[in-house]
C-alpha atoms as a PDB file:
ATOM      1  CA  MET A   1      -5.148  35.508   6.450  1.00  0.00           C
ATOM      2  CA  SER A   2      -4.511  32.104   7.014  1.00  0.00           C
ATOM      3  CA  HIS A   3      -6.161  29.363   4.462  1.00  0.00           C
ATOM      4  CA  ARG A   4      -8.165  28.108   7.361  1.00  0.00           C
ATOM      5  CA  GLU A   5      -9.814  31.517   8.175  1.00  0.00           C
ATOM      6  CA  ARG A   6     -10.391  32.237   4.522  1.00  0.00           C
ATOM      7  CA  ALA A   7     -12.541  29.132   4.177  1.00  0.00           C
ATOM      8  CA  ALA A   8     -14.406  30.191   7.503  1.00  0.00           C
ATOM      9  CA  GLN A   9     -15.174  33.414   5.858  1.00  0.00           C
ATOM     10  CA  ALA A  10     -16.118  32.372   2.328  1.00  0.00           C
ATOM     11  CA  LEU A  11     -18.538  29.989   4.582  1.00  0.00           C
ATOM     12  CA  ALA A  12     -19.876  33.036   6.744  1.00  0.00           C
ATOM     13  CA  ASP A  13     -20.028  35.097   2.840  1.00  0.00           C
ATOM     14  CA  ALA A  14     -22.348  32.015   1.893  1.00  0.00           C
ATOM     15  CA  GLY A  15     -24.434  32.298   4.813  1.00  0.00           C
ATOM     16  CA  ILE A  16     -23.261  29.228   6.409  1.00  0.00           C
ATOM     17  CA  VAL A  17     -22.851  29.115  10.201  1.00  0.00           C
ATOM     18  CA  LEU A  18     -19.902  27.126  11.610  1.00  0.00           C
ATOM     19  CA  THR A  19     -19.633  26.604  15.332  1.00  0.00           C
ATOM     20  CA  ALA A  20     -16.173  27.452  16.817  1.00  0.00           C
ATOM     21  CA  GLU A  21     -15.370  23.980  17.109  1.00  0.00           C
ATOM     22  CA  GLU A  22     -16.351  23.549  13.510  1.00  0.00           C
ATOM     23  CA  ARG A  23     -13.942  26.530  12.401  1.00  0.00           C
ATOM     24  CA  GLU A  24     -11.314  25.130  14.181  1.00  0.00           C
ATOM     25  CA  ALA A  25     -11.597  21.797  12.999  1.00  0.00           C
ATOM     26  CA  ILE A  26     -11.642  22.981   8.865  1.00  0.00           C
ATOM     27  CA  GLU A  27      -9.330  20.385   7.291  1.00  0.00           C
ATOM     28  CA  LEU A  28      -7.129  21.731   4.745  1.00  0.00           C
ATOM     29  CA  ALA A  29      -6.343  18.914   2.197  1.00  0.00           C
ATOM     30  CA  ASP A  30      -3.419  19.190  -0.035  1.00  0.00           C
ATOM     31  CA  PHE A  31      -3.743  15.649  -1.014  1.00  0.00           C
ATOM     32  CA  GLY A  32       0.241  15.467  -0.194  1.00  0.00           C
ATOM     33  CA  LEU A  33       1.136  17.766  -2.997  1.00  0.00           C
ATOM     34  CA  GLY A  34       2.575  20.420  -0.624  1.00  0.00           C
ATOM     35  CA  ASP A  35       0.542  23.195  -3.504  1.00  0.00           C
ATOM     36  CA  PHE A  36      -2.547  23.916  -1.296  1.00  0.00           C
ATOM     37  CA  GLU A  37      -3.470  26.700  -3.382  1.00  0.00           C
ATOM     38  CA  ARG A  38      -3.317  24.653  -6.560  1.00  0.00           C
ATOM     39  CA  THR A  39      -4.369  21.512  -5.481  1.00  0.00           C
ATOM     40  CA  GLY A  40      -6.420  21.028  -2.673  1.00  0.00           C
ATOM     41  CA  LEU A  41      -9.746  21.514  -0.733  1.00  0.00           C
ATOM     42  CA  ALA A  42     -10.748  23.198   2.897  1.00  0.00           C
ATOM     43  CA  ILE A  43     -13.398  20.365   3.930  1.00  0.00           C
ATOM     44  CA  VAL A  44     -15.587  21.004   6.998  1.00  0.00           C
ATOM     45  CA  VAL A  45     -17.446  17.443   7.938  1.00  0.00           C
ATOM     46  CA  TYR A  46     -20.819  17.744   9.772  1.00  0.00           C
ATOM     47  CA  VAL A  47     -21.714  14.258  10.092  1.00  0.00           C
ATOM     48  CA  ASN A  48     -19.824  10.782   8.615  1.00  0.00           C
ATOM     49  CA  THR A  49     -21.801   7.695   9.444  1.00  0.00           C
ATOM     50  CA  ALA A  50     -21.660   4.196   8.318  1.00  0.00           C
ATOM     51  CA  ARG A  51     -24.570   5.382   6.393  1.00  0.00           C
ATOM     52  CA  VAL A  52     -24.503   9.397   5.467  1.00  0.00           C
ATOM     53  CA  CYS A  53     -22.009  11.878   5.066  1.00  0.00           C
ATOM     54  CA  ALA A  54     -22.351  15.832   4.580  1.00  0.00           C
ATOM     55  CA  LYS A  55     -19.583  18.182   4.154  1.00  0.00           C
ATOM     56  CA  GLU A  56     -18.817  21.627   2.823  1.00  0.00           C
ATOM     57  CA  LEU A  57     -15.710  21.961   0.449  1.00  0.00           C
ATOM     58  CA  VAL A  58     -14.244  25.279   0.058  1.00  0.00           C
ATOM     59  CA  MET A  59     -12.080  26.131  -3.020  1.00  0.00           C
ATOM     60  CA  LEU A  60      -9.893  28.716  -4.022  1.00  0.00           C
ATOM     61  CA  PRO A  61     -10.308  30.097  -7.695  1.00  0.00           C
ATOM     62  CA  HIS A  62      -9.171  27.979 -10.192  1.00  0.00           C
ATOM     63  CA  GLN A  63      -8.111  25.079  -6.947  1.00  0.00           C
ATOM     64  CA  VAL A  64      -8.493  21.897  -8.271  1.00  0.00           C
ATOM     65  CA  CYS A  65      -9.548  18.512  -6.585  1.00  0.00           C
ATOM     66  CA  PRO A  66      -7.444  15.715  -8.552  1.00  0.00           C
ATOM     67  CA  GLU A  67      -9.026  12.609 -10.362  1.00  0.00           C
ATOM     68  CA  HIS A  68     -10.305  10.008  -7.929  1.00  0.00           C
ATOM     69  CA  ARG A  69     -12.973   7.639  -7.518  1.00  0.00           C
ATOM     70  CA  HIS A  70     -14.626   5.822  -4.516  1.00  0.00           C
ATOM     71  CA  PRO A  71     -14.353   2.114  -5.160  1.00  0.00           C
ATOM     72  CA  PRO A  72     -16.341  -0.728  -3.522  1.00  0.00           C
ATOM     73  CA  VAL A  73     -15.478  -1.114   0.127  1.00  0.00           C
ATOM     74  CA  GLU A  74     -16.331  -4.179   2.573  1.00  0.00           C
ATOM     75  CA  GLY A  75     -19.292  -5.256   0.335  1.00  0.00           C
ATOM     76  CA  GLU A  76     -20.427  -1.751  -0.037  1.00  0.00           C
ATOM     77  CA  PRO A  77     -20.645  -0.141  -3.674  1.00  0.00           C
ATOM     78  CA  GLY A  78     -18.617   2.936  -2.958  1.00  0.00           C
ATOM     79  CA  LYS A  79     -19.560   6.557  -2.002  1.00  0.00           C
ATOM     80  CA  GLU A  80     -22.299   8.074  -3.953  1.00  0.00           C
ATOM     81  CA  GLU A  81     -21.910  11.868  -3.700  1.00  0.00           C
ATOM     82  CA  THR A  82     -24.352  14.621  -4.742  1.00  0.00           C
ATOM     83  CA  PHE A  83     -22.592  18.352  -4.929  1.00  0.00           C
ATOM     84  CA  ARG A  84     -24.592  21.215  -4.823  1.00  0.00           C
ATOM     85  CA  CYS A  85     -23.043  24.468  -5.634  1.00  0.00           C
ATOM     86  CA  ARG A  86     -23.221  27.422  -2.845  1.00  0.00           C
ATOM     87  CA  THR A  87     -21.122  30.126  -4.382  1.00  0.00           C
ATOM     88  CA  GLY A  88     -19.179  30.588  -7.219  1.00  0.00           C
ATOM     89  CA  SER A  89     -18.447  27.947  -9.904  1.00  0.00           C
ATOM     90  CA  VAL A  90     -17.501  24.687  -9.977  1.00  0.00           C
ATOM     91  CA  HIS A  91     -16.500  22.556 -13.058  1.00  0.00           C
ATOM     92  CA  LEU A  92     -16.975  18.656 -12.648  1.00  0.00           C
ATOM     93  CA  HIS A  93     -15.376  16.342 -14.757  1.00  0.00           C
ATOM     94  CA  VAL A  94     -16.988  12.896 -14.414  1.00  0.00           C
ATOM     95  CA  GLU A  95     -16.396   9.716 -16.509  1.00  0.00           C
ATOM     96  CA  GLY A  96     -19.123   9.349 -19.072  1.00  0.00           C
ATOM     97  CA  HIS A  97     -20.173  13.210 -19.184  1.00  0.00           C
ATOM     98  CA  ASP A  98     -19.264  15.950 -21.239  1.00  0.00           C
ATOM     99  CA  GLU A  99     -17.938  19.080 -18.512  1.00  0.00           C
ATOM    100  CA  ILE A 100     -20.696  19.841 -16.003  1.00  0.00           C
ATOM    101  CA  VAL A 101     -20.248  23.042 -14.738  1.00  0.00           C
ATOM    102  CA  LEU A 102     -22.304  24.129 -11.620  1.00  0.00           C
ATOM    103  CA  HIS A 103     -23.872  27.320 -10.291  1.00  0.00           C
ATOM    104  CA  PRO A 104     -25.242  28.320  -7.256  1.00  0.00           C
ATOM    105  CA  GLY A 105     -28.461  26.005  -6.617  1.00  0.00           C
ATOM    106  CA  GLU A 106     -27.126  23.595  -9.245  1.00  0.00           C
ATOM    107  CA  GLN A 107     -26.319  19.925  -8.246  1.00  0.00           C
ATOM    108  CA  PHE A 108     -24.826  16.680  -9.579  1.00  0.00           C
ATOM    109  CA  THR A 109     -24.801  13.323  -8.506  1.00  0.00           C
ATOM    110  CA  ILE A 110     -21.718  10.872  -8.943  1.00  0.00           C
ATOM    111  CA  LEU A 111     -22.278   7.480  -8.750  1.00  0.00           C
ATOM    112  CA  PRO A 112     -20.020   4.953  -6.833  1.00  0.00           C
ATOM    113  CA  ASP A 113     -16.522   4.101  -8.114  1.00  0.00           C
ATOM    114  CA  THR A 114     -16.886   6.827 -10.914  1.00  0.00           C
ATOM    115  CA  LEU A 115     -14.004   8.219 -12.195  1.00  0.00           C
ATOM    116  CA  HIS A 116     -13.756  12.306 -11.453  1.00  0.00           C
ATOM    117  CA  TRP A 117     -12.290  15.472 -10.697  1.00  0.00           C
ATOM    118  CA  PHE A 118     -13.100  18.860 -10.073  1.00  0.00           C
ATOM    119  CA  GLN A 119     -11.885  22.537 -10.264  1.00  0.00           C
ATOM    120  CA  ALA A 120     -13.290  25.938  -8.885  1.00  0.00           C
ATOM    121  CA  GLY A 121     -13.877  28.985 -11.003  1.00  0.00           C
ATOM    122  CA  ASP A 122     -12.421  32.207 -11.259  1.00  0.00           C
ATOM    123  CA  GLU A 123     -14.195  32.960  -7.598  1.00  0.00           C
ATOM    124  CA  GLY A 124     -13.608  29.662  -6.277  1.00  0.00           C
ATOM    125  CA  ALA A 125     -16.446  28.080  -4.738  1.00  0.00           C
ATOM    126  CA  VAL A 126     -18.322  26.668  -1.877  1.00  0.00           C
ATOM    127  CA  VAL A 127     -19.813  23.356  -2.180  1.00  0.00           C
ATOM    128  CA  SER A 128     -22.230  20.994  -0.337  1.00  0.00           C
ATOM    129  CA  GLU A 129     -21.581  17.291  -0.422  1.00  0.00           C
ATOM    130  CA  PHE A 130     -24.400  14.837   0.582  1.00  0.00           C
ATOM    131  CA  SER A 131     -23.122  11.674   0.281  1.00  0.00           C
ATOM    132  CA  THR A 132     -23.100   7.915   1.682  1.00  0.00           C
ATOM    133  CA  ARG A 133     -20.377   6.645   4.106  1.00  0.00           C
ATOM    134  CA  SER A 134     -16.952   8.824   3.679  1.00  0.00           C
ATOM    135  CA  ARG A 135     -13.911   6.526   3.625  1.00  0.00           C
ATOM    136  CA  ASP A 136     -10.967   9.312   2.087  1.00  0.00           C
ATOM    137  CA  GLU A 137      -8.401   6.189   2.879  1.00  0.00           C
ATOM    138  CA  SER A 138      -9.823   4.054   0.168  1.00  0.00           C
ATOM    139  CA  ASP A 139     -10.268   6.977  -2.296  1.00  0.00           C
ATOM    140  CA  VAL A 140      -8.320   5.757  -5.549  1.00  0.00           C
ATOM    141  CA  PHE A 141      -6.490   8.563  -7.508  1.00  0.00           C
ATOM    142  CA  THR A 142      -4.994   8.672 -10.868  1.00  0.00           C
ATOM    143  CA  ASP A 143      -2.010  10.279  -9.599  1.00  0.00           C
ATOM    144  CA  PRO A 144       0.152   8.090  -7.679  1.00  0.00           C
ATOM    145  CA  ARG A 145       2.006  11.107  -5.767  1.00  0.00           C
ATOM    146  CA  ILE A 146      -1.172  11.710  -4.253  1.00  0.00           C
ATOM    147  CA  VAL A 147      -1.770  10.880  -0.275  1.00  0.00           C
ATOM    148  CA  ARG A 148      -5.118  11.040   1.496  1.00  0.00           C
END
């Protein structure tokens, strides 16, 4: 089963219904590191307008989204995002906080321009992200090798 098929199945198992077009459009982000199973995300974007964004993030067991921040862009303060765990668990590492572990039904909001990274637990995770406008190309990663 491909990574895209695995992500679609994880979403279906979480009770999240996708259209055929959404399934085909699942983005597999490896951040330019070429090791998706260790560092990456499967992403479904429902909406990303000038004001709001809604996504599903699907993570394999222990998969990491590397440390980054969402800086101010064009007079806007940067992306504010809320993560809500749907299945599995996700370990958030947010500047100024001890480790935050989210289980199904729990959520946490990360303020704009705040350094953070996250990792799925033993079962992987499905996380819904609700945020202000997403500008992935403007994200600043700690690891200079990362390309978004």
